[in-house]
Amino acid sequence: MALVINDRVKEQSTTTGTGTFDLDGAVTGFEGFVAGIGDGNTTYYALTDANGTAWEIGIGTITDASPDTLARTTLLASSTGSKIVLTSGTHTVFGTYPAGKAVHL
Protein backbone atom coordinates (compact mmCIF):
# COMPACT_ATOMS: atom_id res chain seq x y z
CA MET A 1 0.00 0.00 0.00
CA ALA A 2 1.51 3.30 -1.12
CA LEU A 3 0.44 6.91 -0.82
CA VAL A 4 -0.41 7.99 -4.38
CA ILE A 5 -1.26 11.50 -5.53
CA ASN A 6 -2.69 12.10 -9.00
CA ASP A 7 -4.33 14.97 -10.87
CA ARG A 8 -7.93 15.03 -12.08
CA VAL A 9 -9.39 12.21 -9.97
CA LYS A 10 -13.04 12.87 -9.11
CA GLU A 11 -16.12 10.75 -8.46
CA GLN A 12 -19.61 11.10 -7.05
CA SER A 13 -21.71 8.93 -4.74
CA THR A 14 -25.02 8.69 -2.96
CA THR A 15 -23.46 7.00 0.09
CA THR A 16 -24.92 8.04 3.46
CA GLY A 17 -23.41 8.07 6.94
CA THR A 18 -19.77 8.42 8.03
CA GLY A 19 -18.30 5.15 6.83
CA THR A 20 -16.69 3.86 3.67
CA PHE A 21 -17.66 5.81 0.55
CA ASP A 22 -19.10 3.76 -2.36
CA LEU A 23 -17.80 5.28 -5.60
CA ASP A 24 -20.31 5.64 -8.45
CA GLY A 25 -17.80 6.26 -11.25
CA ALA A 26 -15.67 9.08 -12.57
CA VAL A 27 -17.16 12.48 -13.29
CA THR A 28 -16.97 13.35 -17.02
CA GLY A 29 -13.50 14.62 -17.86
CA PHE A 30 -11.87 13.00 -14.79
CA GLU A 31 -10.40 9.62 -13.81
CA GLY A 32 -11.89 7.38 -11.17
CA PHE A 33 -9.96 6.52 -7.99
CA VAL A 34 -9.14 2.94 -9.00
CA ALA A 35 -7.70 4.07 -12.36
CA GLY A 36 -5.96 7.15 -10.98
CA ILE A 37 -4.77 5.93 -7.57
CA GLY A 38 -4.89 2.14 -7.73
CA ASP A 39 -6.40 -0.70 -5.74
CA GLY A 40 -5.11 -0.91 -2.16
CA ASN A 41 -3.32 2.45 -2.27
CA THR A 42 -4.01 5.46 -0.08
CA THR A 43 -4.51 9.06 -1.18
CA TYR A 44 -5.51 12.46 0.11
CA TYR A 45 -9.14 13.25 -0.66
CA ALA A 46 -11.59 16.10 -0.33
CA LEU A 47 -15.27 15.31 0.14
CA THR A 48 -18.20 17.71 -0.14
CA ASP A 49 -21.78 16.89 0.72
CA ALA A 50 -24.69 17.17 -1.70
CA ASN A 51 -25.55 20.67 -0.42
CA GLY A 52 -21.99 21.89 -0.92
CA THR A 53 -21.88 23.19 2.66
CA ALA A 54 -20.12 20.44 4.64
CA TRP A 55 -16.62 19.28 3.67
CA GLU A 56 -13.92 16.91 4.80
CA ILE A 57 -10.23 16.42 3.97
CA GLY A 58 -8.61 13.10 4.76
CA ILE A 59 -6.53 10.12 3.83
CA GLY A 60 -8.48 7.28 2.26
CA THR A 61 -7.81 3.75 1.07
CA ILE A 62 -9.05 2.69 -2.37
CA THR A 63 -10.54 -0.74 -3.02
CA ASP A 64 -11.34 -2.13 -6.48
CA ALA A 65 -14.65 -3.89 -5.83
CA SER A 66 -18.26 -3.82 -6.91
CA PRO A 67 -18.77 -0.97 -6.21
CA ASP A 68 -15.30 0.56 -5.87
CA THR A 69 -14.82 2.15 -2.45
CA LEU A 70 -12.85 4.81 -0.62
CA ALA A 71 -12.42 4.05 3.08
CA ARG A 72 -12.30 7.32 5.02
CA THR A 73 -9.27 6.21 7.05
CA THR A 74 -7.77 9.37 8.59
CA LEU A 75 -9.53 12.70 9.07
CA LEU A 76 -7.24 15.72 8.56
CA ALA A 77 -9.79 18.56 8.63
CA SER A 78 -13.52 19.17 8.22
CA SER A 79 -16.19 21.81 8.47
CA THR A 80 -17.60 20.07 11.56
CA GLY A 81 -14.44 18.97 13.38
CA SER A 82 -15.22 15.31 12.68
CA LYS A 83 -16.18 13.13 9.71
CA ILE A 84 -19.16 14.74 8.02
CA VAL A 85 -22.44 12.85 8.12
CA LEU A 86 -23.63 12.30 4.56
CA THR A 87 -27.39 12.37 4.06
CA SER A 88 -29.40 11.93 0.87
CA GLY A 89 -28.17 13.39 -2.40
CA THR A 90 -25.14 13.17 -4.63
CA HIS A 91 -21.84 13.88 -2.90
CA THR A 92 -18.50 14.62 -4.57
CA VAL A 93 -15.04 13.29 -3.67
CA PHE A 94 -11.82 14.22 -5.41
CA GLY A 95 -8.07 13.81 -5.04
CA THR A 96 -6.28 16.74 -3.42
CA TYR A 97 -2.97 17.77 -1.87
CA PRO A 98 -3.77 19.29 1.54
CA ALA A 99 -2.03 22.58 2.35
CA GLY A 100 -1.02 21.18 5.73
CA LYS A 101 0.94 18.42 4.01
CA ALA A 102 2.55 20.63 1.35
CA VAL A 103 6.30 21.09 1.29
CA HIS A 104 7.32 24.51 0.03
CA LEU A 105 9.99 27.16 0.50
PDB file of N, CA and C in Angstrom:
ATOM      1  N   MET A   1       0.850  -1.174   0.000  1.00  0.00           N
ATOM      2  CA  MET A   1       0.000   0.000   0.000  1.00  0.00           C
ATOM      3  C   MET A   1       0.892   1.233   0.000  1.00  0.00           C
ATOM      4  N   ALA A   2       0.717   2.080  -0.993  1.00  0.00           N
ATOM      5  CA  ALA A   2       1.514   3.298  -1.124  1.00  0.00           C
ATOM      6  C   ALA A   2       0.604   4.515  -1.119  1.00  0.00           C
ATOM      7  N   LEU A   3       1.160   5.641  -0.700  1.00  0.00           N
ATOM      8  CA  LEU A   3       0.445   6.908  -0.821  1.00  0.00           C
ATOM      9  C   LEU A   3       0.646   7.398  -2.247  1.00  0.00           C
ATOM     10  N   VAL A   4      -0.465   7.577  -2.977  1.00  0.00           N
ATOM     11  CA  VAL A   4      -0.414   7.986  -4.377  1.00  0.00           C
ATOM     12  C   VAL A   4      -1.193   9.290  -4.522  1.00  0.00           C
ATOM     13  N   ILE A   5      -0.596  10.238  -5.235  1.00  0.00           N
ATOM     14  CA  ILE A   5      -1.261  11.501  -5.529  1.00  0.00           C
ATOM     15  C   ILE A   5      -1.356  11.617  -7.038  1.00  0.00           C
ATOM     16  N   ASN A   6      -2.511  11.984  -7.554  1.00  0.00           N
ATOM     17  CA  ASN A   6      -2.692  12.096  -8.997  1.00  0.00           C
ATOM     18  C   ASN A   6      -3.636  13.250  -9.287  1.00  0.00           C
ATOM     19  N   ASP A   7      -3.473  13.863 -10.446  1.00  0.00           N
ATOM     20  CA  ASP A   7      -4.330  14.966 -10.870  1.00  0.00           C
ATOM     21  C   ASP A   7      -5.621  14.445 -11.487  1.00  0.00           C
ATOM     22  N   ARG A   8      -6.661  15.246 -11.388  1.00  0.00           N
ATOM     23  CA  ARG A   8      -7.929  15.027 -12.079  1.00  0.00           C
ATOM     24  C   ARG A   8      -8.578  13.683 -11.746  1.00  0.00           C
ATOM     25  N   VAL A   9      -8.675  13.389 -10.461  1.00  0.00           N
ATOM     26  CA  VAL A   9      -9.392  12.212  -9.967  1.00  0.00           C
ATOM     27  C   VAL A   9     -10.610  12.724  -9.226  1.00  0.00           C
ATOM     28  N   LYS A  10     -11.808  12.337  -9.707  1.00  0.00           N
ATOM     29  CA  LYS A  10     -13.036  12.871  -9.110  1.00  0.00           C
ATOM     30  C   LYS A  10     -14.201  11.914  -9.386  1.00  0.00           C
ATOM     31  N   GLU A  11     -14.946  11.609  -8.327  1.00  0.00           N
ATOM     32  CA  GLU A  11     -16.124  10.751  -8.464  1.00  0.00           C
ATOM     33  C   GLU A  11     -17.267  11.305  -7.628  1.00  0.00           C
ATOM     34  N   GLN A  12     -18.438  10.733  -7.834  1.00  0.00           N
ATOM     35  CA  GLN A  12     -19.609  11.099  -7.047  1.00  0.00           C
ATOM     36  C   GLN A  12     -20.211   9.848  -6.433  1.00  0.00           C
ATOM     37  N   SER A  13     -21.088  10.060  -5.432  1.00  0.00           N
ATOM     38  CA  SER A  13     -21.706   8.932  -4.744  1.00  0.00           C
ATOM     39  C   SER A  13     -22.966   9.386  -4.025  1.00  0.00           C
ATOM     40  N   THR A  14     -23.829   8.433  -3.766  1.00  0.00           N
ATOM     41  CA  THR A  14     -25.025   8.687  -2.963  1.00  0.00           C
ATOM     42  C   THR A  14     -24.922   7.986  -1.607  1.00  0.00           C
ATOM     43  N   THR A  15     -23.702   7.628  -1.204  1.00  0.00           N
ATOM     44  CA  THR A  15     -23.460   7.003   0.092  1.00  0.00           C
ATOM     45  C   THR A  15     -23.972   7.897   1.213  1.00  0.00           C
ATOM     46  N   THR A  16     -24.497   7.285   2.278  1.00  0.00           N
ATOM     47  CA  THR A  16     -24.917   8.043   3.457  1.00  0.00           C
ATOM     48  C   THR A  16     -24.114   7.584   4.668  1.00  0.00           C
ATOM     49  N   GLY A  17     -24.098   8.424   5.702  1.00  0.00           N
ATOM     50  CA  GLY A  17     -23.413   8.074   6.938  1.00  0.00           C
ATOM     51  C   GLY A  17     -21.995   8.618   6.999  1.00  0.00           C
ATOM     52  N   THR A  18     -21.156   7.979   7.834  1.00  0.00           N
ATOM     53  CA  THR A  18     -19.772   8.425   8.028  1.00  0.00           C
ATOM     54  C   THR A  18     -18.751   7.352   7.671  1.00  0.00           C
ATOM     55  N   GLY A  19     -19.203   6.271   7.098  1.00  0.00           N
ATOM     56  CA  GLY A  19     -18.303   5.154   6.827  1.00  0.00           C
ATOM     57  C   GLY A  19     -17.682   5.190   5.451  1.00  0.00           C
ATOM     58  N   THR A  20     -17.318   4.023   4.969  1.00  0.00           N
ATOM     59  CA  THR A  20     -16.693   3.860   3.667  1.00  0.00           C
ATOM     60  C   THR A  20     -17.601   4.422   2.575  1.00  0.00           C
ATOM     61  N   PHE A  21     -16.971   5.097   1.620  1.00  0.00           N
ATOM     62  CA  PHE A  21     -17.658   5.812   0.547  1.00  0.00           C
ATOM     63  C   PHE A  21     -17.730   4.920  -0.683  1.00  0.00           C
ATOM     64  N   ASP A  22     -18.936   4.527  -1.119  1.00  0.00           N
ATOM     65  CA  ASP A  22     -19.103   3.762  -2.358  1.00  0.00           C
ATOM     66  C   ASP A  22     -18.965   4.728  -3.531  1.00  0.00           C
ATOM     67  N   LEU A  23     -18.071   4.408  -4.455  1.00  0.00           N
ATOM     68  CA  LEU A  23     -17.802   5.283  -5.595  1.00  0.00           C
ATOM     69  C   LEU A  23     -18.691   4.899  -6.772  1.00  0.00           C
ATOM     70  N   ASP A  24     -19.361   5.898  -7.366  1.00  0.00           N
ATOM     71  CA  ASP A  24     -20.310   5.640  -8.450  1.00  0.00           C
ATOM     72  C   ASP A  24     -19.725   5.830  -9.843  1.00  0.00           C
ATOM     73  N   GLY A  25     -18.432   6.076  -9.941  1.00  0.00           N
ATOM     74  CA  GLY A  25     -17.802   6.263 -11.250  1.00  0.00           C
ATOM     75  C   GLY A  25     -17.270   7.670 -11.415  1.00  0.00           C
ATOM     76  N   ALA A  26     -16.341   7.795 -12.346  1.00  0.00           N
ATOM     77  CA  ALA A  26     -15.666   9.076 -12.573  1.00  0.00           C
ATOM     78  C   ALA A  26     -16.636  10.116 -13.137  1.00  0.00           C
ATOM     79  N   VAL A  27     -16.446  11.349 -12.720  1.00  0.00           N
ATOM     80  CA  VAL A  27     -17.164  12.482 -13.295  1.00  0.00           C
ATOM     81  C   VAL A  27     -16.587  12.707 -14.689  1.00  0.00           C
ATOM     82  N   THR A  28     -17.419  13.111 -15.648  1.00  0.00           N
ATOM     83  CA  THR A  28     -16.972  13.352 -17.019  1.00  0.00           C
ATOM     84  C   THR A  28     -15.747  14.268 -17.037  1.00  0.00           C
ATOM     85  N   GLY A  29     -14.721  13.843 -17.753  1.00  0.00           N
ATOM     86  CA  GLY A  29     -13.497  14.622 -17.864  1.00  0.00           C
ATOM     87  C   GLY A  29     -12.455  14.307 -16.800  1.00  0.00           C
ATOM     88  N   PHE A  30     -12.773  13.371 -15.878  1.00  0.00           N
ATOM     89  CA  PHE A  30     -11.873  12.998 -14.791  1.00  0.00           C
ATOM     90  C   PHE A  30     -11.650  11.488 -14.798  1.00  0.00           C
ATOM     91  N   GLU A  31     -10.640  11.045 -14.040  1.00  0.00           N
ATOM     92  CA  GLU A  31     -10.405   9.620 -13.809  1.00  0.00           C
ATOM     93  C   GLU A  31     -11.087   9.203 -12.524  1.00  0.00           C
ATOM     94  N   GLY A  32     -11.402   7.922 -12.421  1.00  0.00           N
ATOM     95  CA  GLY A  32     -11.886   7.375 -11.170  1.00  0.00           C
ATOM     96  C   GLY A  32     -10.714   7.068 -10.243  1.00  0.00           C
ATOM     97  N   PHE A  33     -11.004   6.784  -8.973  1.00  0.00           N
ATOM     98  CA  PHE A  33      -9.957   6.522  -7.993  1.00  0.00           C
ATOM     99  C   PHE A  33      -9.196   5.231  -8.268  1.00  0.00           C
ATOM    100  N   VAL A  34      -9.853   4.183  -8.726  1.00  0.00           N
ATOM    101  CA  VAL A  34      -9.137   2.937  -9.003  1.00  0.00           C
ATOM    102  C   VAL A  34      -8.160   3.143 -10.158  1.00  0.00           C
ATOM    103  N   ALA A  35      -8.589   3.816 -11.220  1.00  0.00           N
ATOM    104  CA  ALA A  35      -7.700   4.066 -12.365  1.00  0.00           C
ATOM    105  C   ALA A  35      -6.590   5.054 -12.017  1.00  0.00           C
ATOM    106  N   GLY A  36      -6.918   6.088 -11.251  1.00  0.00           N
ATOM    107  CA  GLY A  36      -5.958   7.148 -10.980  1.00  0.00           C
ATOM    108  C   GLY A  36      -5.059   6.923  -9.780  1.00  0.00           C
ATOM    109  N   ILE A  37      -5.525   6.152  -8.804  1.00  0.00           N
ATOM    110  CA  ILE A  37      -4.770   5.927  -7.567  1.00  0.00           C
ATOM    111  C   ILE A  37      -4.335   4.474  -7.451  1.00  0.00           C
ATOM    112  N   GLY A  38      -5.228   3.560  -7.747  1.00  0.00           N
ATOM    113  CA  GLY A  38      -4.893   2.136  -7.731  1.00  0.00           C
ATOM    114  C   GLY A  38      -5.454   1.402  -6.531  1.00  0.00           C
ATOM    115  N   ASP A  39      -5.821   0.171  -6.765  1.00  0.00           N
ATOM    116  CA  ASP A  39      -6.399  -0.700  -5.739  1.00  0.00           C
ATOM    117  C   ASP A  39      -5.427  -0.887  -4.577  1.00  0.00           C
ATOM    118  N   GLY A  40      -5.902  -0.685  -3.362  1.00  0.00           N
ATOM    119  CA  GLY A  40      -5.106  -0.908  -2.164  1.00  0.00           C
ATOM    120  C   GLY A  40      -4.230   0.263  -1.756  1.00  0.00           C
ATOM    121  N   ASN A  41      -4.135   1.291  -2.591  1.00  0.00           N
ATOM    122  CA  ASN A  41      -3.315   2.452  -2.269  1.00  0.00           C
ATOM    123  C   ASN A  41      -4.107   3.463  -1.458  1.00  0.00           C
ATOM    124  N   THR A  42      -3.381   4.364  -0.811  1.00  0.00           N
ATOM    125  CA  THR A  42      -4.013   5.455  -0.081  1.00  0.00           C
ATOM    126  C   THR A  42      -3.784   6.760  -0.837  1.00  0.00           C
ATOM    127  N   THR A  43      -4.632   7.745  -0.552  1.00  0.00           N
ATOM    128  CA  THR A  43      -4.508   9.055  -1.178  1.00  0.00           C
ATOM    129  C   THR A  43      -5.155  10.101  -0.291  1.00  0.00           C
ATOM    130  N   TYR A  44      -4.799  11.345  -0.526  1.00  0.00           N
ATOM    131  CA  TYR A  44      -5.508  12.456   0.108  1.00  0.00           C
ATOM    132  C   TYR A  44      -6.787  12.696  -0.684  1.00  0.00           C
ATOM    133  N   TYR A  45      -7.869  12.981   0.021  1.00  0.00           N
ATOM    134  CA  TYR A  45      -9.138  13.246  -0.657  1.00  0.00           C
ATOM    135  C   TYR A  45      -9.818  14.456  -0.037  1.00  0.00           C
ATOM    136  N   ALA A  46     -10.689  15.067  -0.813  1.00  0.00           N
ATOM    137  CA  ALA A  46     -11.593  16.104  -0.328  1.00  0.00           C
ATOM    138  C   ALA A  46     -13.003  15.643  -0.663  1.00  0.00           C
ATOM    139  N   LEU A  47     -13.893  15.778   0.282  1.00  0.00           N
ATOM    140  CA  LEU A  47     -15.266  15.313   0.142  1.00  0.00           C
ATOM    141  C   LEU A  47     -16.204  16.471   0.461  1.00  0.00           C
ATOM    142  N   THR A  48     -17.170  16.707  -0.409  1.00  0.00           N
ATOM    143  CA  THR A  48     -18.201  17.712  -0.138  1.00  0.00           C
ATOM    144  C   THR A  48     -19.563  17.044  -0.180  1.00  0.00           C
ATOM    145  N   ASP A  49     -20.452  17.490   0.694  1.00  0.00           N
ATOM    146  CA  ASP A  49     -21.781  16.891   0.717  1.00  0.00           C
ATOM    147  C   ASP A  49     -22.628  17.417  -0.434  1.00  0.00           C
ATOM    148  N   ALA A  50     -23.811  16.834  -0.593  1.00  0.00           N
ATOM    149  CA  ALA A  50     -24.695  17.175  -1.704  1.00  0.00           C
ATOM    150  C   ALA A  50     -25.107  18.643  -1.693  1.00  0.00           C
ATOM    151  N   ASN A  51     -25.163  19.260  -0.527  1.00  0.00           N
ATOM    152  CA  ASN A  51     -25.548  20.666  -0.424  1.00  0.00           C
ATOM    153  C   ASN A  51     -24.386  21.608  -0.704  1.00  0.00           C
ATOM    154  N   GLY A  52     -23.168  21.069  -0.701  1.00  0.00           N
ATOM    155  CA  GLY A  52     -21.988  21.889  -0.915  1.00  0.00           C
ATOM    156  C   GLY A  52     -21.597  22.719   0.295  1.00  0.00           C
ATOM    157  N   THR A  53     -22.158  22.396   1.464  1.00  0.00           N
ATOM    158  CA  THR A  53     -21.877  23.189   2.662  1.00  0.00           C
ATOM    159  C   THR A  53     -20.926  22.492   3.624  1.00  0.00           C
ATOM    160  N   ALA A  54     -21.003  21.192   3.746  1.00  0.00           N
ATOM    161  CA  ALA A  54     -20.118  20.444   4.637  1.00  0.00           C
ATOM    162  C   ALA A  54     -18.993  19.839   3.805  1.00  0.00           C
ATOM    163  N   TRP A  55     -17.781  19.812   4.388  1.00  0.00           N
ATOM    164  CA  TRP A  55     -16.623  19.285   3.670  1.00  0.00           C
ATOM    165  C   TRP A  55     -15.707  18.545   4.624  1.00  0.00           C
ATOM    166  N   GLU A  56     -14.857  17.730   4.023  1.00  0.00           N
ATOM    167  CA  GLU A  56     -13.923  16.910   4.799  1.00  0.00           C
ATOM    168  C   GLU A  56     -12.667  16.675   3.960  1.00  0.00           C
ATOM    169  N   ILE A  57     -11.505  16.749   4.604  1.00  0.00           N
ATOM    170  CA  ILE A  57     -10.226  16.424   3.973  1.00  0.00           C
ATOM    171  C   ILE A  57      -9.643  15.255   4.755  1.00  0.00           C
ATOM    172  N   GLY A  58      -9.143  14.249   4.050  1.00  0.00           N
ATOM    173  CA  GLY A  58      -8.612  13.100   4.763  1.00  0.00           C
ATOM    174  C   GLY A  58      -7.685  12.258   3.925  1.00  0.00           C
ATOM    175  N   ILE A  59      -7.290  11.148   4.523  1.00  0.00           N
ATOM    176  CA  ILE A  59      -6.529  10.118   3.827  1.00  0.00           C
ATOM    177  C   ILE A  59      -7.462   8.921   3.703  1.00  0.00           C
ATOM    178  N   GLY A  60      -7.585   8.407   2.500  1.00  0.00           N
ATOM    179  CA  GLY A  60      -8.479   7.285   2.260  1.00  0.00           C
ATOM    180  C   GLY A  60      -7.776   6.147   1.560  1.00  0.00           C
ATOM    181  N   THR A  61      -8.332   4.952   1.707  1.00  0.00           N
ATOM    182  CA  THR A  61      -7.807   3.752   1.068  1.00  0.00           C
ATOM    183  C   THR A  61      -8.775   3.307  -0.020  1.00  0.00           C
ATOM    184  N   ILE A  62      -8.243   3.057  -1.206  1.00  0.00           N
ATOM    185  CA  ILE A  62      -9.045   2.692  -2.373  1.00  0.00           C
ATOM    186  C   ILE A  62      -9.139   1.171  -2.477  1.00  0.00           C
ATOM    187  N   THR A  63     -10.344   0.682  -2.781  1.00  0.00           N
ATOM    188  CA  THR A  63     -10.544  -0.742  -3.025  1.00  0.00           C
ATOM    189  C   THR A  63     -11.279  -0.925  -4.349  1.00  0.00           C
ATOM    190  N   ASP A  64     -10.720  -1.773  -5.211  1.00  0.00           N
ATOM    191  CA  ASP A  64     -11.341  -2.134  -6.481  1.00  0.00           C
ATOM    192  C   ASP A  64     -12.323  -3.248  -6.184  1.00  0.00           C
ATOM    193  N   ALA A  65     -13.598  -2.924  -6.193  1.00  0.00           N
ATOM    194  CA  ALA A  65     -14.645  -3.890  -5.828  1.00  0.00           C
ATOM    195  C   ALA A  65     -15.885  -3.579  -6.651  1.00  0.00           C
ATOM    196  N   SER A  66     -16.998  -4.116  -6.241  1.00  0.00           N
ATOM    197  CA  SER A  66     -18.259  -3.822  -6.906  1.00  0.00           C
ATOM    198  C   SER A  66     -19.279  -3.397  -5.853  1.00  0.00           C
ATOM    199  N   PRO A  67     -19.419  -2.109  -5.550  1.00  0.00           N
ATOM    200  CA  PRO A  67     -18.766  -0.972  -6.207  1.00  0.00           C
ATOM    201  C   PRO A  67     -17.372  -0.709  -5.641  1.00  0.00           C
ATOM    202  N   ASP A  68     -16.579   0.083  -6.386  1.00  0.00           N
ATOM    203  CA  ASP A  68     -15.296   0.555  -5.873  1.00  0.00           C
ATOM    204  C   ASP A  68     -15.567   1.394  -4.625  1.00  0.00           C
ATOM    205  N   THR A  69     -14.606   1.413  -3.695  1.00  0.00           N
ATOM    206  CA  THR A  69     -14.818   2.155  -2.453  1.00  0.00           C
ATOM    207  C   THR A  69     -13.608   3.001  -2.079  1.00  0.00           C
ATOM    208  N   LEU A  70     -13.876   4.006  -1.255  1.00  0.00           N
ATOM    209  CA  LEU A  70     -12.849   4.813  -0.618  1.00  0.00           C
ATOM    210  C   LEU A  70     -13.139   4.773   0.871  1.00  0.00           C
ATOM    211  N   ALA A  71     -12.268   4.101   1.629  1.00  0.00           N
ATOM    212  CA  ALA A  71     -12.424   4.054   3.084  1.00  0.00           C
ATOM    213  C   ALA A  71     -11.876   5.354   3.656  1.00  0.00           C
ATOM    214  N   ARG A  72     -12.675   6.043   4.419  1.00  0.00           N
ATOM    215  CA  ARG A  72     -12.302   7.324   5.017  1.00  0.00           C
ATOM    216  C   ARG A  72     -11.453   7.043   6.254  1.00  0.00           C
ATOM    217  N   THR A  73     -10.163   6.750   6.033  1.00  0.00           N
ATOM    218  CA  THR A  73      -9.274   6.213   7.051  1.00  0.00           C
ATOM    219  C   THR A  73      -8.854   7.227   8.106  1.00  0.00           C
ATOM    220  N   THR A  74      -8.323   8.374   7.664  1.00  0.00           N
ATOM    221  CA  THR A  74      -7.771   9.368   8.586  1.00  0.00           C
ATOM    222  C   THR A  74      -8.338  10.746   8.278  1.00  0.00           C
ATOM    223  N   LEU A  75      -8.996  11.347   9.237  1.00  0.00           N
ATOM    224  CA  LEU A  75      -9.529  12.698   9.067  1.00  0.00           C
ATOM    225  C   LEU A  75      -8.418  13.707   9.320  1.00  0.00           C
ATOM    226  N   LEU A  76      -8.227  14.654   8.394  1.00  0.00           N
ATOM    227  CA  LEU A  76      -7.238  15.716   8.557  1.00  0.00           C
ATOM    228  C   LEU A  76      -7.899  17.043   8.918  1.00  0.00           C
ATOM    229  N   ALA A  77      -9.067  17.317   8.349  1.00  0.00           N
ATOM    230  CA  ALA A  77      -9.792  18.560   8.627  1.00  0.00           C
ATOM    231  C   ALA A  77     -11.223  18.399   8.146  1.00  0.00           C
ATOM    232  N   SER A  78     -12.131  19.180   8.708  1.00  0.00           N
ATOM    233  CA  SER A  78     -13.515  19.170   8.223  1.00  0.00           C
ATOM    234  C   SER A  78     -14.234  20.426   8.690  1.00  0.00           C
ATOM    235  N   SER A  79     -15.373  20.655   8.096  1.00  0.00           N
ATOM    236  CA  SER A  79     -16.193  21.811   8.467  1.00  0.00           C
ATOM    237  C   SER A  79     -16.878  21.606   9.808  1.00  0.00           C
ATOM    238  N   THR A  80     -16.900  20.371  10.304  1.00  0.00           N
ATOM    239  CA  THR A  80     -17.600  20.071  11.557  1.00  0.00           C
ATOM    240  C   THR A  80     -16.662  19.655  12.687  1.00  0.00           C
ATOM    241  N   GLY A  81     -15.386  19.450  12.379  1.00  0.00           N
ATOM    242  CA  GLY A  81     -14.438  18.968  13.376  1.00  0.00           C
ATOM    243  C   GLY A  81     -14.377  17.459  13.475  1.00  0.00           C
ATOM    244  N   SER A  82     -15.230  16.767  12.734  1.00  0.00           N
ATOM    245  CA  SER A  82     -15.219  15.308  12.676  1.00  0.00           C
ATOM    246  C   SER A  82     -15.665  14.893  11.278  1.00  0.00           C
ATOM    247  N   LYS A  83     -15.693  13.580  11.020  1.00  0.00           N
ATOM    248  CA  LYS A  83     -16.175  13.133   9.709  1.00  0.00           C
ATOM    249  C   LYS A  83     -17.575  13.686   9.487  1.00  0.00           C
ATOM    250  N   ILE A  84     -17.831  14.190   8.286  1.00  0.00           N
ATOM    251  CA  ILE A  84     -19.159  14.736   8.023  1.00  0.00           C
ATOM    252  C   ILE A  84     -20.154  13.588   7.851  1.00  0.00           C
ATOM    253  N   VAL A  85     -21.365  13.834   8.264  1.00  0.00           N
ATOM    254  CA  VAL A  85     -22.439  12.851   8.123  1.00  0.00           C
ATOM    255  C   VAL A  85     -23.122  13.114   6.786  1.00  0.00           C
ATOM    256  N   LEU A  86     -23.016  12.155   5.872  1.00  0.00           N
ATOM    257  CA  LEU A  86     -23.625  12.299   4.558  1.00  0.00           C
ATOM    258  C   LEU A  86     -25.079  11.853   4.612  1.00  0.00           C
ATOM    259  N   THR A  87     -25.970  12.707   4.142  1.00  0.00           N
ATOM    260  CA  THR A  87     -27.390  12.367   4.061  1.00  0.00           C
ATOM    261  C   THR A  87     -27.739  12.160   2.589  1.00  0.00           C
ATOM    262  N   SER A  88     -28.990  12.207   2.240  1.00  0.00           N
ATOM    263  CA  SER A  88     -29.398  11.927   0.866  1.00  0.00           C
ATOM    264  C   SER A  88     -28.831  12.951  -0.110  1.00  0.00           C
ATOM    265  N   GLY A  89     -28.678  12.524  -1.349  1.00  0.00           N
ATOM    266  CA  GLY A  89     -28.169  13.393  -2.398  1.00  0.00           C
ATOM    267  C   GLY A  89     -26.895  12.836  -3.002  1.00  0.00           C
ATOM    268  N   THR A  90     -26.357  13.581  -3.947  1.00  0.00           N
ATOM    269  CA  THR A  90     -25.142  13.171  -4.634  1.00  0.00           C
ATOM    270  C   THR A  90     -23.963  13.974  -4.098  1.00  0.00           C
ATOM    271  N   HIS A  91     -23.014  13.278  -3.520  1.00  0.00           N
ATOM    272  CA  HIS A  91     -21.838  13.877  -2.899  1.00  0.00           C
ATOM    273  C   HIS A  91     -20.649  13.745  -3.851  1.00  0.00           C
ATOM    274  N   THR A  92     -19.660  14.608  -3.683  1.00  0.00           N
ATOM    275  CA  THR A  92     -18.503  14.625  -4.570  1.00  0.00           C
ATOM    276  C   THR A  92     -17.227  14.399  -3.770  1.00  0.00           C
ATOM    277  N   VAL A  93     -16.348  13.546  -4.287  1.00  0.00           N
ATOM    278  CA  VAL A  93     -15.044  13.291  -3.674  1.00  0.00           C
ATOM    279  C   VAL A  93     -13.983  13.399  -4.763  1.00  0.00           C
ATOM    280  N   PHE A  94     -12.872  14.053  -4.427  1.00  0.00           N
ATOM    281  CA  PHE A  94     -11.816  14.224  -5.411  1.00  0.00           C
ATOM    282  C   PHE A  94     -10.449  14.164  -4.740  1.00  0.00           C
ATOM    283  N   GLY A  95      -9.431  13.837  -5.536  1.00  0.00           N
ATOM    284  CA  GLY A  95      -8.071  13.815  -5.039  1.00  0.00           C
ATOM    285  C   GLY A  95      -7.586  15.234  -4.801  1.00  0.00           C
ATOM    286  N   THR A  96      -6.792  15.419  -3.759  1.00  0.00           N
ATOM    287  CA  THR A  96      -6.282  16.745  -3.420  1.00  0.00           C
ATOM    288  C   THR A  96      -4.892  16.618  -2.812  1.00  0.00           C
ATOM    289  N   TYR A  97      -4.249  17.729  -2.577  1.00  0.00           N
ATOM    290  CA  TYR A  97      -2.972  17.771  -1.868  1.00  0.00           C
ATOM    291  C   TYR A  97      -3.145  18.806  -0.767  1.00  0.00           C
ATOM    292  N   PRO A  98      -3.437  18.365   0.465  1.00  0.00           N
ATOM    293  CA  PRO A  98      -3.769  19.291   1.541  1.00  0.00           C
ATOM    294  C   PRO A  98      -2.646  20.292   1.832  1.00  0.00           C
ATOM    295  N   ALA A  99      -3.013  21.530   2.051  1.00  0.00           N
ATOM    296  CA  ALA A  99      -2.033  22.579   2.347  1.00  0.00           C
ATOM    297  C   ALA A  99      -1.172  22.213   3.548  1.00  0.00           C
ATOM    298  N   GLY A 100      -1.768  21.572   4.535  1.00  0.00           N
ATOM    299  CA  GLY A 100      -1.024  21.185   5.734  1.00  0.00           C
ATOM    300  C   GLY A 100       0.023  20.113   5.490  1.00  0.00           C
ATOM    301  N   LYS A 101      -0.036  19.448   4.363  1.00  0.00           N
ATOM    302  CA  LYS A 101       0.943  18.416   4.010  1.00  0.00           C
ATOM    303  C   LYS A 101       1.933  18.901   2.954  1.00  0.00           C
ATOM    304  N   ALA A 102       1.706  20.100   2.428  1.00  0.00           N
ATOM    305  CA  ALA A 102       2.554  20.625   1.354  1.00  0.00           C
ATOM    306  C   ALA A 102       3.951  20.961   1.857  1.00  0.00           C
ATOM    307  N   VAL A 103       4.918  20.711   1.008  1.00  0.00           N
ATOM    308  CA  VAL A 103       6.299  21.086   1.286  1.00  0.00           C
ATOM    309  C   VAL A 103       6.631  22.222   0.325  1.00  0.00           C
ATOM    310  N   HIS A 104       6.999  23.368   0.880  1.00  0.00           N
ATOM    311  CA  HIS A 104       7.321  24.509   0.026  1.00  0.00           C
ATOM    312  C   HIS A 104       8.336  25.400   0.727  1.00  0.00           C
ATOM    313  N   LEU A 105       9.007  26.217  -0.048  1.00  0.00           N
ATOM    314  CA  LEU A 105       9.989  27.156   0.498  1.00  0.00           C
ATOM    315  C   LEU A 105       9.373  28.526   0.668  1.00  0.00           C
TER     316      LEU A 105
END
